[in-house]
Amino acid sequence: MRAIRLHLSLLNWRPSLFSLTNSYNTMSQSAFNTPRLILKKVLAKSQHEGDGAVVRRGIGSDLKNLDPFLMLDHFSVSPPGGFPDHPHRGFETVTYMLEGGITHQDFAGHKGTIRTGDVQWMTAGRGIIHSEMPAEANNKGLQLWINLSAKDKMIEPRYQELPSENIPKAEKDGVEVRVVAGEAMGVHSPVYTRTPTMFLVFSMMPGTEWHQIIPESWNSFVYIIEGEGVFGCPNSPPTVAHHVLVLSLGDGLSVWNNSSKPLRFVLIGGEPINEPVAQYGPFVMNTQSEIEKTIEDYQYGRNGFEMRKYWRSQ
């Protein structure tokens, strides 16, 4: 969903300590040996993207990246706007619909519409050209970009699509989770994550708490969709909607909803790839020379982009 822009950087970012205030005196009471705390808090600011769309970019703007994650957009789009024909190479996109629907079609003949609660997990691999256009009057969702390791960047594209009713979910004591990827509350997602990833959508009623295990070496973050919550330790100040919370390393995250309204957020984590990343808009490789080769492949219609000169979305 991102227009081509000149952006070349090494994305080997490590967050500086944001705030661990008043946390150590509560660790002995934690549900975890090494609880994850808030390292950095970033407001996802609105910006225009695509053709008439508005996105709140939580990762990929003020917060440049968080290995293996390249971008997180909370998007809103209505007809006649959208995300017309554009390419990708070298990573995966995950689109989770919060409201309405998005119709997708690509140059290999794949076409379909995902609607509220559905997910599309697209591995762009060596190359995809596609469009993503609004299917209803109001359409909102999340799109996450996940990097691929050097050995996987040129694999054949593939899709995994789950309608809402097929996404595993569980509920306990006023806390519901939808398991897009990974595991929570004893239920597992069928989605295969080439870069090991967890993608959990939580809804918490007022007065509830939850403690979620996260693999200790994975990078992780929270994005708050609506409401406000306390994350990390019980005496942390509450954080409101549209913020990204980058978490410290540890074996799990504790969350409390002390407000009078429901809290909805995503908890996303992934195994770091620890490789240099060169990015030029929708092309993500390891070196500048690979980016230059990708641009040539796209311009001349080769090595995965053979249909570029002949295909247009309908």
C-alpha atoms as a PDB file:
ATOM      1  CA  MET A   1       0.000   0.000   0.000  1.00  0.00           C
ATOM      2  CA  ARG A   2       2.956   2.274  -0.300  1.00  0.00           C
ATOM      3  CA  ALA A   3       3.851   4.435  -3.287  1.00  0.00           C
ATOM      4  CA  ILE A   4       7.432   4.204  -4.581  1.00  0.00           C
ATOM      5  CA  ARG A   5       9.605   6.686  -2.727  1.00  0.00           C
ATOM      6  CA  LEU A   6      13.338   7.063  -2.548  1.00  0.00           C
ATOM      7  CA  HIS A   7      14.190   5.618   0.824  1.00  0.00           C
ATOM      8  CA  LEU A   8      17.415   3.682   1.288  1.00  0.00           C
ATOM      9  CA  SER A   9      18.494   2.850   4.787  1.00  0.00           C
ATOM     10  CA  LEU A  10      19.943   0.198   6.993  1.00  0.00           C
ATOM     11  CA  LEU A  11      17.166  -0.874   9.306  1.00  0.00           C
ATOM     12  CA  ASN A  12      19.170  -2.435  12.101  1.00  0.00           C
ATOM     13  CA  TRP A  13      17.558  -0.242  14.754  1.00  0.00           C
ATOM     14  CA  ARG A  14      17.773  -0.856  18.440  1.00  0.00           C
ATOM     15  CA  PRO A  15      15.497   1.234  20.688  1.00  0.00           C
ATOM     16  CA  SER A  16      16.933   3.378  23.442  1.00  0.00           C
ATOM     17  CA  LEU A  17      15.486   3.028  26.894  1.00  0.00           C
ATOM     18  CA  PHE A  18      12.306   5.105  27.057  1.00  0.00           C
ATOM     19  CA  SER A  19      10.877   4.460  30.483  1.00  0.00           C
ATOM     20  CA  LEU A  20      11.203   1.774  33.091  1.00  0.00           C
ATOM     21  CA  THR A  21      10.098   4.095  35.885  1.00  0.00           C
ATOM     22  CA  ASN A  22       8.566   2.564  38.989  1.00  0.00           C
ATOM     23  CA  SER A  23       8.664  -0.887  37.416  1.00  0.00           C
ATOM     24  CA  TYR A  24      11.412  -2.713  39.259  1.00  0.00           C
ATOM     25  CA  ASN A  25       9.608  -2.550  42.561  1.00  0.00           C
ATOM     26  CA  THR A  26       6.731  -4.549  41.035  1.00  0.00           C
ATOM     27  CA  MET A  27       8.778  -7.217  39.225  1.00  0.00           C
ATOM     28  CA  SER A  28       8.691  -9.594  42.165  1.00  0.00           C
ATOM     29  CA  GLN A  29       4.910  -9.663  41.800  1.00  0.00           C
ATOM     30  CA  SER A  30       4.974 -10.139  38.030  1.00  0.00           C
ATOM     31  CA  ALA A  31       3.459 -13.101  36.207  1.00  0.00           C
ATOM     32  CA  PHE A  32       6.797 -13.466  34.367  1.00  0.00           C
ATOM     33  CA  ASN A  33      10.426 -13.963  35.292  1.00  0.00           C
ATOM     34  CA  THR A  34      11.394 -11.128  32.936  1.00  0.00           C
ATOM     35  CA  PRO A  35       8.313  -9.017  32.228  1.00  0.00           C
ATOM     36  CA  ARG A  36       8.303  -6.948  29.054  1.00  0.00           C
ATOM     37  CA  LEU A  37       8.125  -3.217  29.725  1.00  0.00           C
ATOM     38  CA  ILE A  38       7.653  -0.169  27.529  1.00  0.00           C
ATOM     39  CA  LEU A  39      10.884   0.968  25.876  1.00  0.00           C
ATOM     40  CA  LYS A  40       9.391   3.525  23.507  1.00  0.00           C
ATOM     41  CA  LYS A  41       5.970   5.055  22.872  1.00  0.00           C
ATOM     42  CA  VAL A  42       5.168   6.504  19.429  1.00  0.00           C
ATOM     43  CA  LEU A  43       1.982   8.194  18.249  1.00  0.00           C
ATOM     44  CA  ALA A  44       0.959   6.951  14.791  1.00  0.00           C
ATOM     45  CA  LYS A  45       0.262  10.226  12.999  1.00  0.00           C
ATOM     46  CA  SER A  46      -2.152  10.541  10.076  1.00  0.00           C
ATOM     47  CA  GLN A  47      -0.753  11.011   6.568  1.00  0.00           C
ATOM     48  CA  HIS A  48      -2.031  10.630   3.022  1.00  0.00           C
ATOM     49  CA  GLU A  49      -1.087   7.522   1.069  1.00  0.00           C
ATOM     50  CA  GLY A  50      -2.055   5.835  -2.176  1.00  0.00           C
ATOM     51  CA  ASP A  51      -4.964   7.479  -4.011  1.00  0.00           C
ATOM     52  CA  GLY A  52      -7.043   9.385  -1.454  1.00  0.00           C
ATOM     53  CA  ALA A  53      -6.349   7.084   1.495  1.00  0.00           C
ATOM     54  CA  VAL A  54      -5.345   8.155   4.998  1.00  0.00           C
ATOM     55  CA  VAL A  55      -3.016   6.036   7.121  1.00  0.00           C
ATOM     56  CA  ARG A  56      -1.696   6.205  10.648  1.00  0.00           C
ATOM     57  CA  ARG A  57       1.852   4.885  10.218  1.00  0.00           C
ATOM     58  CA  GLY A  58       2.989   3.334  13.477  1.00  0.00           C
ATOM     59  CA  ILE A  59       6.155   1.778  12.059  1.00  0.00           C
ATOM     60  CA  GLY A  60       7.964   3.210   9.048  1.00  0.00           C
ATOM     61  CA  SER A  61       7.821   6.907   9.929  1.00  0.00           C
ATOM     62  CA  ASP A  62       8.900   8.330  13.303  1.00  0.00           C
ATOM     63  CA  LEU A  63       9.685   4.767  14.328  1.00  0.00           C
ATOM     64  CA  LYS A  64      11.686   3.671  11.300  1.00  0.00           C
ATOM     65  CA  ASN A  65      11.589  -0.081  11.835  1.00  0.00           C
ATOM     66  CA  LEU A  66      11.698  -2.883  14.377  1.00  0.00           C
ATOM     67  CA  ASP A  67      13.392  -6.000  12.983  1.00  0.00           C
ATOM     68  CA  PRO A  68      11.757  -7.968  11.360  1.00  0.00           C
ATOM     69  CA  PHE A  69       8.935  -5.406  10.931  1.00  0.00           C
ATOM     70  CA  LEU A  70       9.220  -2.723   8.267  1.00  0.00           C
ATOM     71  CA  MET A  71       5.881  -0.928   8.412  1.00  0.00           C
ATOM     72  CA  LEU A  72       2.536  -0.843  10.216  1.00  0.00           C
ATOM     73  CA  ASP A  73      -0.310   1.199   8.755  1.00  0.00           C
ATOM     74  CA  HIS A  74      -3.764   1.734  10.258  1.00  0.00           C
ATOM     75  CA  PHE A  75      -5.533   2.706   7.048  1.00  0.00           C
ATOM     76  CA  SER A  76      -8.857   4.289   6.126  1.00  0.00           C
ATOM     77  CA  VAL A  77     -10.045   4.517   2.519  1.00  0.00           C
ATOM     78  CA  SER A  78     -13.291   5.139   0.655  1.00  0.00           C
ATOM     79  CA  PRO A  79     -14.220   5.047  -3.055  1.00  0.00           C
ATOM     80  CA  PRO A  80     -13.038   6.312  -5.465  1.00  0.00           C
ATOM     81  CA  GLY A  81      -9.715   6.244  -3.609  1.00  0.00           C
ATOM     82  CA  GLY A  82      -7.550   3.208  -2.980  1.00  0.00           C
ATOM     83  CA  PHE A  83      -4.195   1.663  -3.682  1.00  0.00           C
ATOM     84  CA  PRO A  84      -3.976   1.163  -7.467  1.00  0.00           C
ATOM     85  CA  ASP A  85      -1.467  -1.060  -9.272  1.00  0.00           C
ATOM     86  CA  HIS A  86       1.890  -1.178  -7.465  1.00  0.00           C
ATOM     87  CA  PRO A  87       4.738  -3.705  -7.029  1.00  0.00           C
ATOM     88  CA  HIS A  88       6.413  -5.460  -4.096  1.00  0.00           C
ATOM     89  CA  ARG A  89       9.537  -7.578  -3.697  1.00  0.00           C
ATOM     90  CA  GLY A  90      11.442  -9.111  -0.804  1.00  0.00           C
ATOM     91  CA  PHE A  91       8.961  -9.176   2.087  1.00  0.00           C
ATOM     92  CA  GLU A  92       5.447 -10.134   3.243  1.00  0.00           C
ATOM     93  CA  THR A  93       2.316  -8.038   3.786  1.00  0.00           C
ATOM     94  CA  VAL A  94      -0.390  -8.885   6.317  1.00  0.00           C
ATOM     95  CA  THR A  95      -3.748  -7.139   5.889  1.00  0.00           C
ATOM     96  CA  TYR A  96      -6.308  -7.445   8.704  1.00  0.00           C
ATOM     97  CA  MET A  97      -9.678  -5.802   8.105  1.00  0.00           C
ATOM     98  CA  LEU A  98     -11.318  -3.868  10.937  1.00  0.00           C
ATOM     99  CA  GLU A  99     -14.286  -2.541   8.940  1.00  0.00           C
ATOM    100  CA  GLY A 100     -15.585  -2.818   5.371  1.00  0.00           C
ATOM    101  CA  GLY A 101     -13.554  -4.654   2.768  1.00  0.00           C
ATOM    102  CA  ILE A 102     -10.615  -4.488   0.344  1.00  0.00           C
ATOM    103  CA  THR A 103     -10.664  -6.084  -3.105  1.00  0.00           C
ATOM    104  CA  HIS A 104      -7.289  -7.385  -4.192  1.00  0.00           C
ATOM    105  CA  GLN A 105      -6.130  -8.526  -7.619  1.00  0.00           C
ATOM    106  CA  ASP A 106      -2.693  -9.247  -9.021  1.00  0.00           C
ATOM    107  CA  PHE A 107      -0.928  -9.921 -12.297  1.00  0.00           C
ATOM    108  CA  ALA A 108      -0.943 -13.687 -11.712  1.00  0.00           C
ATOM    109  CA  GLY A 109      -4.756 -13.817 -11.801  1.00  0.00           C
ATOM    110  CA  HIS A 110      -5.404 -13.927  -8.056  1.00  0.00           C
ATOM    111  CA  LYS A 111      -8.468 -11.909  -7.058  1.00  0.00           C
ATOM    112  CA  GLY A 112     -10.661 -11.688  -3.992  1.00  0.00           C
ATOM    113  CA  THR A 113     -12.177  -9.495  -1.303  1.00  0.00           C
ATOM    114  CA  ILE A 114     -11.363  -9.621   2.393  1.00  0.00           C
ATOM    115  CA  ARG A 115     -13.946  -8.158   4.778  1.00  0.00           C
ATOM    116  CA  THR A 116     -14.286  -7.285   8.454  1.00  0.00           C
ATOM    117  CA  GLY A 117     -12.252  -9.708  10.552  1.00  0.00           C
ATOM    118  CA  ASP A 118     -10.621 -11.423   7.546  1.00  0.00           C
ATOM    119  CA  VAL A 119      -6.874 -11.603   6.999  1.00  0.00           C
ATOM    120  CA  GLN A 120      -4.679 -11.887   3.921  1.00  0.00           C
ATOM    121  CA  TRP A 121      -1.052 -12.963   4.418  1.00  0.00           C
ATOM    122  CA  MET A 122       0.802 -12.266   1.171  1.00  0.00           C
ATOM    123  CA  THR A 123       4.373 -13.368   0.533  1.00  0.00           C
ATOM    124  CA  ALA A 124       5.587 -11.085  -2.258  1.00  0.00           C
ATOM    125  CA  GLY A 125       8.880 -12.945  -2.631  1.00  0.00           C
ATOM    126  CA  ARG A 126      10.521 -12.330  -6.024  1.00  0.00           C
ATOM    127  CA  GLY A 127       7.749 -10.054  -7.198  1.00  0.00           C
ATOM    128  CA  ILE A 128       4.062  -9.126  -7.189  1.00  0.00           C
ATOM    129  CA  ILE A 129       2.167  -6.326  -8.914  1.00  0.00           C
ATOM    130  CA  HIS A 130      -1.299  -5.849  -7.469  1.00  0.00           C
ATOM    131  CA  SER A 131      -4.036  -3.405  -6.530  1.00  0.00           C
ATOM    132  CA  GLU A 132      -5.962  -2.992  -3.278  1.00  0.00           C
ATOM    133  CA  MET A 133      -9.210  -1.082  -3.687  1.00  0.00           C
ATOM    134  CA  PRO A 134     -12.099  -0.314  -1.305  1.00  0.00           C
ATOM    135  CA  ALA A 135     -15.080  -2.675  -1.487  1.00  0.00           C
ATOM    136  CA  GLU A 136     -17.528  -0.647   0.638  1.00  0.00           C
ATOM    137  CA  ALA A 137     -18.246   2.974   1.576  1.00  0.00           C
ATOM    138  CA  ASN A 138     -16.006   2.921   4.653  1.00  0.00           C
ATOM    139  CA  ASN A 139     -13.004   0.616   4.895  1.00  0.00           C
ATOM    140  CA  LYS A 140     -10.477   0.393   7.707  1.00  0.00           C
ATOM    141  CA  GLY A 141      -7.766  -2.068   8.566  1.00  0.00           C
ATOM    142  CA  LEU A 142      -4.196  -2.766   9.530  1.00  0.00           C
ATOM    143  CA  GLN A 143      -1.365  -3.618   7.152  1.00  0.00           C
ATOM    144  CA  LEU A 144       1.915  -4.970   8.487  1.00  0.00           C
ATOM    145  CA  TRP A 145       5.089  -5.432   6.431  1.00  0.00           C
ATOM    146  CA  ILE A 146       7.346  -8.289   7.576  1.00  0.00           C
ATOM    147  CA  ASN A 147      10.852  -8.649   6.202  1.00  0.00           C
ATOM    148  CA  LEU A 148      12.125 -11.872   4.653  1.00  0.00           C
ATOM    149  CA  SER A 149      15.630 -13.211   5.138  1.00  0.00           C
ATOM    150  CA  ALA A 150      18.070 -13.091   2.220  1.00  0.00           C
ATOM    151  CA  LYS A 151      17.465 -16.768   1.439  1.00  0.00           C
ATOM    152  CA  ASP A 152      13.711 -16.187   1.069  1.00  0.00           C
ATOM    153  CA  LYS A 153      13.551 -12.867  -0.770  1.00  0.00           C
ATOM    154  CA  MET A 154      13.354 -14.441  -4.230  1.00  0.00           C
ATOM    155  CA  ILE A 155      10.926 -17.282  -3.511  1.00  0.00           C
ATOM    156  CA  GLU A 156       7.715 -17.622  -5.509  1.00  0.00           C
ATOM    157  CA  PRO A 157       4.803 -15.464  -4.282  1.00  0.00           C
ATOM    158  CA  ARG A 158       2.057 -17.122  -2.240  1.00  0.00           C
ATOM    159  CA  TYR A 159      -1.112 -16.210  -0.384  1.00  0.00           C
ATOM    160  CA  GLN A 160      -2.722 -17.346   2.830  1.00  0.00           C
ATOM    161  CA  GLU A 161      -6.232 -16.011   3.340  1.00  0.00           C
ATOM    162  CA  LEU A 162      -8.451 -16.694   6.326  1.00  0.00           C
ATOM    163  CA  PRO A 163     -12.054 -15.521   6.580  1.00  0.00           C
ATOM    164  CA  SER A 164     -13.045 -14.231   9.986  1.00  0.00           C
ATOM    165  CA  GLU A 165     -14.836 -17.434  10.980  1.00  0.00           C
ATOM    166  CA  ASN A 166     -11.673 -19.471  10.383  1.00  0.00           C
ATOM    167  CA  ILE A 167      -9.370 -17.336  12.527  1.00  0.00           C
ATOM    168  CA  PRO A 168      -8.934 -19.197  15.829  1.00  0.00           C
ATOM    169  CA  LYS A 169     -10.205 -17.325  18.863  1.00  0.00           C
ATOM    170  CA  ALA A 170     -10.548 -17.882  22.573  1.00  0.00           C
ATOM    171  CA  GLU A 171     -12.041 -16.063  25.558  1.00  0.00           C
ATOM    172  CA  LYS A 172     -11.288 -16.090  29.256  1.00  0.00           C
ATOM    173  CA  ASP A 173     -12.515 -13.841  32.070  1.00  0.00           C
ATOM    174  CA  GLY A 174     -13.624 -11.003  29.783  1.00  0.00           C
ATOM    175  CA  VAL A 175     -10.550 -11.138  27.522  1.00  0.00           C
ATOM    176  CA  GLU A 176     -10.919 -12.323  23.921  1.00  0.00           C
ATOM    177  CA  VAL A 177      -8.082 -13.033  21.508  1.00  0.00           C
ATOM    178  CA  ARG A 178      -8.106 -13.680  17.772  1.00  0.00           C
ATOM    179  CA  VAL A 179      -4.979 -15.614  16.811  1.00  0.00           C
ATOM    180  CA  VAL A 180      -3.976 -14.443  13.330  1.00  0.00           C
ATOM    181  CA  ALA A 181      -0.499 -15.956  13.772  1.00  0.00           C
ATOM    182  CA  GLY A 182       1.167 -17.752  16.649  1.00  0.00           C
ATOM    183  CA  GLU A 183      -0.524 -19.031  19.797  1.00  0.00           C
ATOM    184  CA  ALA A 184      -2.558 -17.674  22.725  1.00  0.00           C
ATOM    185  CA  MET A 185      -4.908 -19.178  25.321  1.00  0.00           C
ATOM    186  CA  GLY A 186      -4.008 -22.642  24.048  1.00  0.00           C
ATOM    187  CA  VAL A 187      -5.184 -22.063  20.458  1.00  0.00           C
ATOM    188  CA  HIS A 188      -2.903 -21.949  17.422  1.00  0.00           C
ATOM    189  CA  SER A 189      -3.187 -20.218  14.058  1.00  0.00           C
ATOM    190  CA  PRO A 190      -2.870 -22.342  10.901  1.00  0.00           C
ATOM    191  CA  VAL A 191      -0.951 -19.525   9.160  1.00  0.00           C
ATOM    192  CA  TYR A 192       2.608 -20.460   8.201  1.00  0.00           C
ATOM    193  CA  THR A 193       5.025 -17.656   9.076  1.00  0.00           C
ATOM    194  CA  ARG A 194       8.233 -17.901   7.053  1.00  0.00           C
ATOM    195  CA  THR A 195       9.687 -15.268   9.371  1.00  0.00           C
ATOM    196  CA  PRO A 196       8.516 -16.582  12.786  1.00  0.00           C
ATOM    197  CA  THR A 197       5.780 -14.158  13.875  1.00  0.00           C
ATOM    198  CA  MET A 198       2.913 -13.736  16.324  1.00  0.00           C
ATOM    199  CA  PHE A 199      -0.074 -11.522  15.491  1.00  0.00           C
ATOM    200  CA  LEU A 200      -2.712 -11.422  18.228  1.00  0.00           C
ATOM    201  CA  VAL A 201      -5.827  -9.218  18.281  1.00  0.00           C
ATOM    202  CA  PHE A 202      -7.039  -8.664  21.856  1.00  0.00           C
ATOM    203  CA  SER A 203     -10.342  -7.259  23.122  1.00  0.00           C
ATOM    204  CA  MET A 204     -10.486  -6.626  26.880  1.00  0.00           C
ATOM    205  CA  MET A 205     -13.573  -5.631  28.829  1.00  0.00           C
ATOM    206  CA  PRO A 206     -13.304  -3.015  31.617  1.00  0.00           C
ATOM    207  CA  GLY A 207     -11.668  -4.299  34.787  1.00  0.00           C
ATOM    208  CA  THR A 208      -9.835  -7.203  33.157  1.00  0.00           C
ATOM    209  CA  GLU A 209      -6.166  -8.177  32.892  1.00  0.00           C
ATOM    210  CA  TRP A 210      -4.163 -10.578  30.753  1.00  0.00           C
ATOM    211  CA  HIS A 211      -0.650 -12.026  30.779  1.00  0.00           C
ATOM    212  CA  GLN A 212       0.676 -13.179  27.404  1.00  0.00           C
ATOM    213  CA  ILE A 213       3.791 -15.287  26.876  1.00  0.00           C
ATOM    214  CA  ILE A 214       6.188 -14.033  24.154  1.00  0.00           C
ATOM    215  CA  PRO A 215       9.351 -15.847  22.982  1.00  0.00           C
ATOM    216  CA  GLU A 216      12.159 -14.188  24.923  1.00  0.00           C
ATOM    217  CA  SER A 217      14.441 -13.284  22.008  1.00  0.00           C
ATOM    218  CA  TRP A 218      11.718 -11.841  19.773  1.00  0.00           C
ATOM    219  CA  ASN A 219      11.144  -8.144  19.188  1.00  0.00           C
ATOM    220  CA  SER A 220       7.572  -7.120  19.939  1.00  0.00           C
ATOM    221  CA  PHE A 221       5.220  -4.173  20.039  1.00  0.00           C
ATOM    222  CA  VAL A 222       1.629  -3.204  20.779  1.00  0.00           C
ATOM    223  CA  TYR A 223      -0.640  -1.018  18.651  1.00  0.00           C
ATOM    224  CA  ILE A 224      -3.781   0.254  20.390  1.00  0.00           C
ATOM    225  CA  ILE A 225      -6.793   0.303  18.082  1.00  0.00           C
ATOM    226  CA  GLU A 226      -9.315   1.726  20.544  1.00  0.00           C
ATOM    227  CA  GLY A 227      -9.647   2.429  24.247  1.00  0.00           C
ATOM    228  CA  GLU A 228      -6.806   2.770  26.721  1.00  0.00           C
ATOM    229  CA  GLY A 229      -4.749   0.282  28.695  1.00  0.00           C
ATOM    230  CA  VAL A 230      -1.899  -0.204  31.122  1.00  0.00           C
ATOM    231  CA  PHE A 231       0.977  -2.225  29.690  1.00  0.00           C
ATOM    232  CA  GLY A 232       4.020  -3.811  31.318  1.00  0.00           C
ATOM    233  CA  CYS A 233       3.472  -3.135  34.996  1.00  0.00           C
ATOM    234  CA  PRO A 234       0.353  -2.098  36.933  1.00  0.00           C
ATOM    235  CA  ASN A 235       1.617   1.336  38.003  1.00  0.00           C
ATOM    236  CA  SER A 236       2.489   2.448  34.447  1.00  0.00           C
ATOM    237  CA  PRO A 237       0.377   5.335  33.113  1.00  0.00           C
ATOM    238  CA  PRO A 238      -2.382   4.269  30.695  1.00  0.00           C
ATOM    239  CA  THR A 239      -1.777   4.582  26.965  1.00  0.00           C
ATOM    240  CA  VAL A 240      -4.561   5.624  24.598  1.00  0.00           C
ATOM    241  CA  ALA A 241      -5.497   4.641  21.041  1.00  0.00           C
ATOM    242  CA  HIS A 242      -3.217   5.028  18.006  1.00  0.00           C
ATOM    243  CA  HIS A 243       0.045   4.593  19.921  1.00  0.00           C
ATOM    244  CA  VAL A 244       2.736   2.013  19.227  1.00  0.00           C
ATOM    245  CA  LEU A 245       4.481   0.638  22.307  1.00  0.00           C
ATOM    246  CA  VAL A 246       7.870  -0.952  21.651  1.00  0.00           C
ATOM    247  CA  LEU A 247       8.528  -3.567  24.329  1.00  0.00           C
ATOM    248  CA  SER A 248      11.710  -4.639  26.057  1.00  0.00           C
ATOM    249  CA  LEU A 249      12.922  -8.228  25.767  1.00  0.00           C
ATOM    250  CA  GLY A 250      11.442 -10.696  28.212  1.00  0.00           C
ATOM    251  CA  ASP A 251       9.207 -13.732  28.502  1.00  0.00           C
ATOM    252  CA  GLY A 252       5.804 -12.051  28.519  1.00  0.00           C
ATOM    253  CA  LEU A 253       3.579  -8.976  28.612  1.00  0.00           C
ATOM    254  CA  SER A 254       0.965  -8.047  31.207  1.00  0.00           C
ATOM    255  CA  VAL A 255      -1.979  -5.792  30.311  1.00  0.00           C
ATOM    256  CA  TRP A 256      -4.685  -4.184  32.434  1.00  0.00           C
ATOM    257  CA  ASN A 257      -7.862  -2.414  31.352  1.00  0.00           C
ATOM    258  CA  ASN A 258      -8.645  -0.144  34.280  1.00  0.00           C
ATOM    259  CA  SER A 259     -10.949   2.102  32.245  1.00  0.00           C
ATOM    260  CA  SER A 260     -14.725   2.046  31.882  1.00  0.00           C
ATOM    261  CA  LYS A 261     -14.603   1.182  28.156  1.00  0.00           C
ATOM    262  CA  PRO A 262     -13.415  -1.827  26.133  1.00  0.00           C
ATOM    263  CA  LEU A 263      -9.772  -1.967  25.039  1.00  0.00           C
ATOM    264  CA  ARG A 264      -8.735  -3.375  21.649  1.00  0.00           C
ATOM    265  CA  PHE A 265      -5.118  -3.763  20.553  1.00  0.00           C
ATOM    266  CA  VAL A 266      -2.783  -5.947  18.544  1.00  0.00           C
ATOM    267  CA  LEU A 267       0.264  -7.607  20.067  1.00  0.00           C
ATOM    268  CA  ILE A 268       2.803  -8.405  17.368  1.00  0.00           C
ATOM    269  CA  GLY A 269       6.157 -10.097  17.780  1.00  0.00           C
ATOM    270  CA  GLY A 270       8.758 -11.656  15.542  1.00  0.00           C
ATOM    271  CA  GLU A 271      12.154 -13.293  15.476  1.00  0.00           C
ATOM    272  CA  PRO A 272      14.804 -10.748  14.403  1.00  0.00           C
ATOM    273  CA  ILE A 273      16.488 -11.490  11.082  1.00  0.00           C
ATOM    274  CA  ASN A 274      19.623  -9.478  11.935  1.00  0.00           C
ATOM    275  CA  GLU A 275      20.508  -8.711   8.328  1.00  0.00           C
ATOM    276  CA  PRO A 276      21.145  -5.356   6.638  1.00  0.00           C
ATOM    277  CA  VAL A 277      18.076  -3.969   4.881  1.00  0.00           C
ATOM    278  CA  ALA A 278      18.058  -1.755   1.828  1.00  0.00           C
ATOM    279  CA  GLN A 279      14.647  -0.308   0.978  1.00  0.00           C
ATOM    280  CA  TYR A 280      13.364   1.647  -1.996  1.00  0.00           C
ATOM    281  CA  GLY A 281       9.626   2.137  -1.466  1.00  0.00           C
ATOM    282  CA  PRO A 282       7.985  -1.280  -2.030  1.00  0.00           C
ATOM    283  CA  PHE A 283      11.279  -3.080  -2.743  1.00  0.00           C
ATOM    284  CA  VAL A 284      13.160  -4.498   0.257  1.00  0.00           C
ATOM    285  CA  MET A 285      16.492  -6.247  -0.251  1.00  0.00           C
ATOM    286  CA  ASN A 286      19.830  -6.522   1.572  1.00  0.00           C
ATOM    287  CA  THR A 287      22.119  -4.261  -0.460  1.00  0.00           C
ATOM    288  CA  GLN A 288      21.929  -1.207  -2.696  1.00  0.00           C
ATOM    289  CA  SER A 289      23.115  -3.240  -5.679  1.00  0.00           C
ATOM    290  CA  GLU A 290      20.205  -5.641  -5.154  1.00  0.00           C
ATOM    291  CA  ILE A 291      17.818  -2.677  -5.070  1.00  0.00           C
ATOM    292  CA  GLU A 292      19.272  -1.379  -8.349  1.00  0.00           C
ATOM    293  CA  LYS A 293      18.856  -4.850  -9.875  1.00  0.00           C
ATOM    294  CA  THR A 294      15.237  -4.966  -8.633  1.00  0.00           C
ATOM    295  CA  ILE A 295      14.457  -1.590 -10.218  1.00  0.00           C
ATOM    296  CA  GLU A 296      15.894  -2.847 -13.515  1.00  0.00           C
ATOM    297  CA  ASP A 297      13.863  -6.070 -13.248  1.00  0.00           C
ATOM    298  CA  TYR A 298      10.699  -4.035 -12.718  1.00  0.00           C
ATOM    299  CA  GLN A 299      11.426  -1.567 -15.520  1.00  0.00           C
ATOM    300  CA  TYR A 300      12.296  -4.257 -18.067  1.00  0.00           C
ATOM    301  CA  GLY A 301       9.748  -6.852 -16.918  1.00  0.00           C
ATOM    302  CA  ARG A 302      11.951  -9.751 -15.888  1.00  0.00           C
ATOM    303  CA  ASN A 303      12.826 -12.047 -12.935  1.00  0.00           C
ATOM    304  CA  GLY A 304       9.307 -12.078 -11.513  1.00  0.00           C
ATOM    305  CA  PHE A 305       7.902  -8.955 -13.172  1.00  0.00           C
ATOM    306  CA  GLU A 306       7.371 -10.446 -16.669  1.00  0.00           C
ATOM    307  CA  MET A 307       3.700  -9.369 -16.760  1.00  0.00           C
ATOM    308  CA  ARG A 308       4.441  -5.788 -15.800  1.00  0.00           C
ATOM    309  CA  LYS A 309       4.071  -4.402 -19.350  1.00  0.00           C
ATOM    310  CA  TYR A 310       0.846  -6.248 -20.125  1.00  0.00           C
ATOM    311  CA  TRP A 311      -1.260  -6.352 -16.950  1.00  0.00           C
ATOM    312  CA  ARG A 312      -3.618  -3.717 -15.559  1.00  0.00           C
ATOM    313  CA  SER A 313      -6.146  -4.264 -12.797  1.00  0.00           C
ATOM    314  CA  GLN A 314      -9.814  -4.171 -13.776  1.00  0.00           C
END
